[in-house]
Protein backbone atom coordinates (compact mmCIF):
# COMPACT_ATOMS: atom_id res chain seq x y z
CA MET A 1 0.00 0.00 0.00
CA ALA A 2 1.31 3.45 -0.88
CA MET A 3 2.09 5.72 2.00
CA PRO A 4 -0.15 8.83 2.07
CA ARG A 5 1.33 12.27 1.54
CA ILE A 6 0.55 13.34 5.10
CA GLY A 7 3.13 11.98 7.47
CA VAL A 8 5.75 11.00 4.90
CA VAL A 9 8.42 13.23 6.47
CA ALA A 10 7.62 11.93 9.94
CA ALA A 11 7.85 8.38 8.61
CA LEU A 12 11.26 9.03 7.06
CA VAL A 13 12.61 9.90 10.49
CA ALA A 14 10.57 7.26 12.35
CA PHE A 15 12.09 4.51 10.24
CA SER A 16 15.49 5.67 11.53
CA ALA A 17 14.60 5.39 15.23
CA VAL A 18 15.63 2.41 17.36
CA ALA A 19 14.76 1.56 20.93
CA VAL A 20 18.21 0.71 22.29
CA ALA A 21 21.71 1.96 21.73
CA GLN A 22 23.07 0.04 18.76
CA THR A 23 26.62 0.00 20.11
CA ALA A 24 25.39 -2.54 22.67
CA MET A 25 24.23 -4.92 19.91
CA PRO A 26 26.31 -7.67 18.29
CA LEU A 27 28.18 -6.35 15.25
CA ALA A 28 26.13 -8.37 12.76
CA GLN A 29 22.97 -6.64 14.04
CA ARG A 30 24.50 -3.15 13.97
CA ILE A 31 25.30 -3.32 10.25
CA GLY A 32 22.54 -1.87 8.08
CA ARG A 33 21.55 -4.27 5.28
CA SER A 34 19.80 -3.10 2.12
CA ASP A 35 16.64 -5.13 1.55
CA PRO A 36 14.41 -3.99 -1.36
CA GLY A 37 11.62 -6.22 -0.06
CA LYS A 38 11.39 -4.18 3.16
CA MET A 39 11.45 -0.71 1.59
CA GLN A 40 8.33 1.40 2.05
CA LEU A 41 6.42 2.91 -0.87
CA ALA A 42 5.94 6.67 -0.47
CA THR A 43 4.31 9.35 -2.61
CA GLY A 44 4.62 13.12 -2.46
CA VAL A 45 7.83 13.11 -0.40
CA HIS A 46 8.38 16.75 0.63
CA GLY A 47 5.81 17.66 -2.03
CA GLY A 48 7.70 15.83 -4.76
CA ALA A 49 6.30 14.17 -7.87
CA GLY A 50 5.47 10.49 -8.25
CA SER A 51 6.72 7.81 -5.89
CA MET A 52 9.78 6.20 -4.38
CA ARG A 53 10.69 3.28 -2.17
CA PHE A 54 13.00 3.72 0.79
CA GLY A 55 14.11 2.34 4.11
CA ALA A 56 16.54 3.23 6.89
CA LEU A 57 19.93 1.52 6.87
CA LEU A 58 21.10 3.35 10.01
CA GLY A 59 19.21 5.55 12.42
CA ALA A 60 19.97 8.19 15.01
CA ASN A 61 21.18 5.68 17.62
CA ALA A 62 23.70 4.05 15.30
CA LEU A 63 26.35 6.53 16.47
CA SER A 64 26.80 8.71 19.55
CA THR A 65 27.60 11.76 17.38
CA ASN A 66 24.94 13.91 15.68
CA PHE A 67 24.56 11.51 12.78
CA ILE A 68 20.79 11.22 12.27
CA PHE A 69 20.24 8.69 9.48
CA LEU A 70 21.33 6.93 6.31
CA HIS A 71 18.43 6.01 4.01
CA ARG A 72 18.54 3.74 0.96
CA GLY A 73 15.91 3.76 -1.74
CA THR A 74 14.83 3.83 -5.36
CA ILE A 75 13.35 6.89 -7.08
CA ALA A 76 10.83 5.82 -9.72
CA PRO A 77 10.82 7.35 -13.22
CA LYS A 78 9.32 10.85 -13.39
CA SER A 79 9.43 11.03 -9.59
CA GLY A 80 11.39 12.84 -6.93
CA ILE A 81 11.65 14.68 -3.62
CA GLY A 82 10.29 18.23 -3.54
CA GLN A 83 12.45 21.19 -2.63
CA HIS A 84 12.66 21.80 1.12
CA PHE A 85 14.84 23.57 3.69
CA HIS A 86 16.86 22.16 6.58
CA ASN A 87 17.77 24.82 9.13
CA ASP A 88 19.30 22.73 11.91
CA CYS A 89 20.71 19.78 9.98
CA GLU A 90 22.58 19.02 6.76
CA GLU A 91 21.63 16.43 4.18
CA MET A 92 23.05 14.92 1.03
CA PHE A 93 21.29 12.99 -1.71
CA VAL A 94 23.53 10.53 -3.56
CA ILE A 95 22.59 8.62 -6.72
CA LEU A 96 24.44 5.37 -7.31
CA ASP A 97 23.49 4.96 -10.97
CA GLY A 98 21.59 6.65 -13.81
CA GLU A 99 20.90 10.37 -13.91
CA ALA A 100 18.88 12.78 -11.79
CA GLU A 101 18.20 16.50 -11.58
CA PHE A 102 19.56 17.93 -8.33
CA THR A 103 18.30 21.27 -7.01
CA ILE A 104 20.03 23.48 -4.44
CA ASP A 105 18.42 26.85 -3.60
CA GLY A 106 16.29 26.82 -6.74
CA ARG A 107 19.14 26.09 -9.19
CA THR A 108 18.96 22.75 -10.96
CA SER A 109 21.50 20.63 -12.85
CA ARG A 110 21.56 17.04 -14.06
CA LEU A 111 24.19 14.75 -12.50
CA THR A 112 25.24 11.26 -13.56
CA GLY A 113 25.79 8.69 -10.82
CA PRO A 114 27.54 7.82 -8.69
CA ALA A 115 27.33 11.43 -7.58
CA GLY A 116 25.84 13.65 -4.90
CA ALA A 117 25.21 17.22 -3.80
CA PRO A 118 25.38 18.32 -0.15
CA ASP A 119 22.63 20.59 1.16
CA ARG A 120 24.22 22.71 3.84
CA LYS A 121 22.40 23.99 6.92
CA GLY A 122 20.02 26.82 6.07
CA HIS A 123 19.70 25.93 2.39
CA ALA A 124 17.06 24.12 0.30
CA HIS A 125 17.31 21.06 -1.93
CA GLY A 126 15.34 18.56 -3.97
CA ILE A 127 15.83 15.82 -6.55
CA TYR A 128 13.89 14.61 -9.58
CA ASN A 129 14.34 11.57 -11.83
CA PRO A 130 13.35 12.71 -15.36
CA THR A 131 14.34 9.42 -17.00
CA ASP A 132 12.37 6.27 -17.77
CA LYS A 133 14.49 4.12 -15.43
CA PRO A 134 14.53 3.89 -11.61
CA VAL A 135 17.49 5.58 -9.87
CA GLN A 136 19.25 4.03 -6.87
CA TRP A 137 19.42 6.68 -4.13
CA LEU A 138 21.00 7.35 -0.73
CA ASN A 139 20.21 10.08 1.78
CA ILE A 140 22.59 11.08 4.59
CA ASN A 141 21.57 13.46 7.38
CA VAL A 142 23.71 15.02 10.14
CA GLY A 143 22.45 17.67 12.57
CA MET A 144 23.56 20.26 15.06
CA THR A 145 21.71 17.96 17.48
CA LYS A 146 19.98 14.60 16.98
CA SER A 147 16.82 16.41 15.85
CA TYR A 148 15.67 16.46 12.21
CA ASP A 149 13.93 19.55 10.82
CA ASN A 150 12.46 20.57 7.47
CA PHE A 151 10.38 23.28 5.82
CA ASP A 152 8.70 22.23 2.56
CA LEU A 153 8.28 24.64 -0.34
CA GLY A 154 5.66 22.64 -2.25
CA ASP A 155 7.91 22.71 -5.33
CA PRO A 156 8.37 19.33 -7.10
CA ARG A 157 11.02 20.79 -9.48
CA THR A 158 9.52 19.09 -12.55
CA ASN A 159 10.44 20.75 -15.87
CA ALA A 160 12.91 22.99 -14.04
CA PRO A 161 15.36 24.98 -16.21
CA LEU A 162 18.78 23.34 -16.13
CA ASP A 163 22.16 24.97 -15.59
CA PRO A 164 24.77 23.20 -17.76
CA VAL A 165 27.31 23.78 -14.96
CA PRO A 166 25.94 23.16 -11.45
CA GLN A 167 25.75 26.37 -9.42
CA PHE A 168 26.25 24.41 -6.19
CA ILE A 169 28.72 21.99 -4.62
CA THR A 170 28.73 18.47 -6.08
CA MET A 171 30.79 15.33 -5.72
CA ARG A 172 31.39 12.42 -8.07
CA LEU A 173 32.57 9.03 -6.83
CA ASP A 174 34.68 8.28 -9.90
CA ARG A 175 37.24 5.47 -9.63
CA SER A 176 39.47 7.19 -12.18
CA LEU A 177 40.07 10.01 -9.65
CA LEU A 178 41.40 7.71 -6.94
CA LYS A 179 45.09 7.69 -5.96
CA PRO A 180 47.31 5.46 -3.79
CA ALA A 181 46.16 5.72 -0.20
CA ALA A 182 49.47 5.49 1.66
CA ALA A 183 49.74 9.20 2.52
CA ASN A 184 46.16 9.40 3.83
CA LEU A 185 45.55 5.91 5.21
CA PRO A 186 48.83 4.71 6.73
CA GLU A 187 47.09 1.60 8.04
CA ALA A 188 46.37 0.45 4.45
CA THR A 189 48.08 -2.67 3.11
CA GLY A 190 48.14 -3.60 -0.56
CA ALA A 191 47.22 -1.33 -3.46
CA VAL A 192 44.42 0.59 -1.69
CA LEU A 193 43.15 3.67 -3.57
CA TYR A 194 41.67 6.76 -1.91
CA ARG A 195 40.16 10.19 -2.53
CA ARG A 196 38.54 12.76 -0.25
CA ALA A 197 35.41 13.74 -2.17
CA LEU A 198 34.24 16.40 0.33
CA GLY A 199 36.25 17.96 3.15
CA PRO A 200 35.52 19.71 6.46
CA THR A 201 34.93 23.18 4.97
CA ILE A 202 31.90 21.95 3.02
CA PHE A 203 29.73 21.40 6.09
CA SER A 204 28.54 23.64 8.94
CA THR A 205 27.71 20.80 11.34
CA ALA A 206 30.21 18.32 12.79
CA TRP A 207 30.00 16.42 9.49
CA SER A 208 33.66 16.40 8.51
CA TYR A 209 34.20 14.48 5.28
CA VAL A 210 33.06 12.06 2.59
CA ASP A 211 35.79 9.70 1.36
CA HIS A 212 35.92 7.25 -1.54
CA ILE A 213 38.06 4.12 -1.04
CA LEU A 214 38.78 1.12 -3.26
CA LEU A 215 40.34 -2.06 -1.86
CA PRO A 216 41.61 -4.34 -4.68
CA ALA A 217 42.04 -8.07 -4.19
CA GLY A 218 44.15 -8.94 -1.17
CA SER A 219 44.22 -5.42 0.28
CA ALA A 220 43.01 -4.18 3.66
CA LEU A 221 42.66 -1.29 6.07
CA GLY A 222 44.38 -2.19 9.32
CA ARG A 223 43.20 -1.48 12.84
CA ARG A 224 42.53 2.22 13.49
CA ILE A 225 40.98 4.13 16.40
CA GLN A 226 39.72 7.72 16.23
CA PRO A 227 38.66 8.99 19.67
CA ASP A 228 36.87 12.08 18.32
CA MET A 229 35.60 10.91 14.91
CA SER A 230 32.75 8.52 14.08
CA GLU A 231 32.32 7.00 10.64
CA VAL A 232 29.86 5.16 8.42
CA TYR A 233 31.21 2.82 5.73
CA TYR A 234 28.70 2.26 2.91
CA VAL A 235 29.63 -0.62 0.61
CA MET A 236 29.14 0.51 -2.99
CA SER A 237 30.32 -2.77 -4.53
CA GLY A 238 32.23 -5.94 -3.73
CA THR A 239 32.50 -8.00 -0.56
CA GLY A 240 34.70 -7.89 2.49
CA GLU A 241 34.99 -8.37 6.22
CA VAL A 242 34.84 -5.67 8.89
CA THR A 243 36.22 -6.00 12.40
CA LEU A 244 35.08 -3.67 15.19
CA GLY A 245 36.86 -4.34 18.44
CA ASP A 246 37.02 -8.13 18.71
CA GLU A 247 33.99 -8.85 16.49
CA ALA A 248 34.14 -9.57 12.76
CA ALA A 249 31.32 -9.75 10.23
CA PRO A 250 31.03 -10.12 6.44
CA ILE A 251 29.94 -7.10 4.39
CA LYS A 252 28.64 -6.78 0.85
CA ALA A 253 27.24 -4.20 -1.56
CA GLY A 254 24.40 -2.24 0.04
CA ASP A 255 25.62 -2.67 3.63
CA ALA A 256 26.34 0.24 5.99
CA VAL A 257 28.78 -0.15 8.90
CA PRO A 258 28.69 2.35 11.81
CA VAL A 259 31.98 2.96 13.65
CA ASP A 260 31.53 4.98 16.83
CA LEU A 261 33.97 7.24 18.68
CA GLY A 262 36.96 5.31 19.95
CA GLU A 263 36.01 2.01 18.27
CA ALA A 264 38.84 0.03 16.69
CA ARG A 265 38.00 -0.83 13.08
CA ALA A 266 39.69 -2.92 10.42
CA ILE A 267 38.40 -3.87 6.95
CA ARG A 268 39.66 -6.36 4.40
CA GLN A 269 38.58 -7.18 0.88
CA THR A 270 37.27 -10.67 0.05
CA GLY A 271 35.80 -12.23 -3.05
CA GLY A 272 36.52 -11.75 -6.72
CA GLU A 273 36.06 -7.99 -7.16
CA PRO A 274 37.38 -4.86 -5.42
CA LEU A 275 35.64 -3.62 -2.30
CA GLU A 276 34.41 -0.06 -2.95
CA LEU A 277 33.45 2.16 -0.01
CA MET A 278 31.94 5.57 0.61
CA VAL A 279 32.94 6.83 4.06
CA ILE A 280 31.05 9.47 6.07
CA GLY A 281 32.98 11.11 8.91
CA VAL A 282 31.17 12.91 11.75
CA ALA A 283 33.20 14.49 14.55
CA ARG A 284 32.32 14.41 18.24
CA ASP A 285 31.45 18.13 18.12
CA LEU A 286 32.48 21.31 16.33
CA ALA A 287 35.59 21.73 18.50
CA ALA A 288 36.76 18.22 17.60
CA LYS A 289 36.09 18.96 13.94
CA ALA A 290 38.19 22.12 14.16
CA ARG A 291 41.08 20.15 15.69
CA TYR A 292 40.77 17.48 13.01
CA ARG A 293 40.86 20.11 10.27
CA ALA A 294 43.88 21.86 11.78
CA GLU A 295 45.79 18.58 12.08
CA ALA A 296 44.93 17.62 8.49
CA GLU A 297 46.07 20.99 7.18
CA ALA A 298 49.32 20.74 9.16
CA ARG A 299 50.09 17.38 7.54
CA MET A 300 49.59 18.92 4.11
CA ARG A 301 52.04 21.80 4.65
CA PRO A 302 55.45 21.29 3.04
CA ARG A 303 58.26 20.71 5.52
CA ARG A 304 61.11 23.19 5.57
């Protein structure tokens, strides 16, 4: 049954809520698993056109930082999410395939996946699939607190005029842009490739970065602990194994792994194809983010 227009926004957040702290759960239960059969059908999301299916991979209790949710879904042809504001949180739509029209503050451009556009605090965004094929979609939300907010404009952004060059920040998760990871991920073994797609200056909240990582056959990320930075690892393709603390679990395309403050994580590639990851970093607070940025900039300065 299709979800009615009234209550769609509330449902988006409700699907992200959990009753107990997920860090107390076994690792296999903490990992968000994409399951198309469990995705909800929704229409008129934020006043958008048509319909989409979605579900929560991770909710607000997945991490102790102000990460609010990671949603996974499919935007049907000629469908989308209407333009709306977030004034106390930041959000980013990501398409994993196909094409979609992204809007930020009333300016619209078509992007080809895998790509995304962050909507910074105090700005408006929307997305529309003008094609005749479904688009695979992710939505990431991080707040100043754990509270989600929105203000809908009632604008579905259908037949919007397109700027040939986006007049807003975008990212593309293109493997051809990746480089050897040794300088940025010293714990990497093997021919791991890396790129920072979005850095700390992009976001106003404690959201600190979006990284793109590729682990070819036989490669791994060794044990690492970050006391003031939480992360989410979304598996774009391939298979692997993640270890948090003393627990290990298999991961595959469509999975999302939460790594909380101070948790030891390690990841290795398994199977016959590279393990491709999108990594979301959220700092403990704005002060921790500022320290992280300062330390990163210091490492980049040439030594005299």
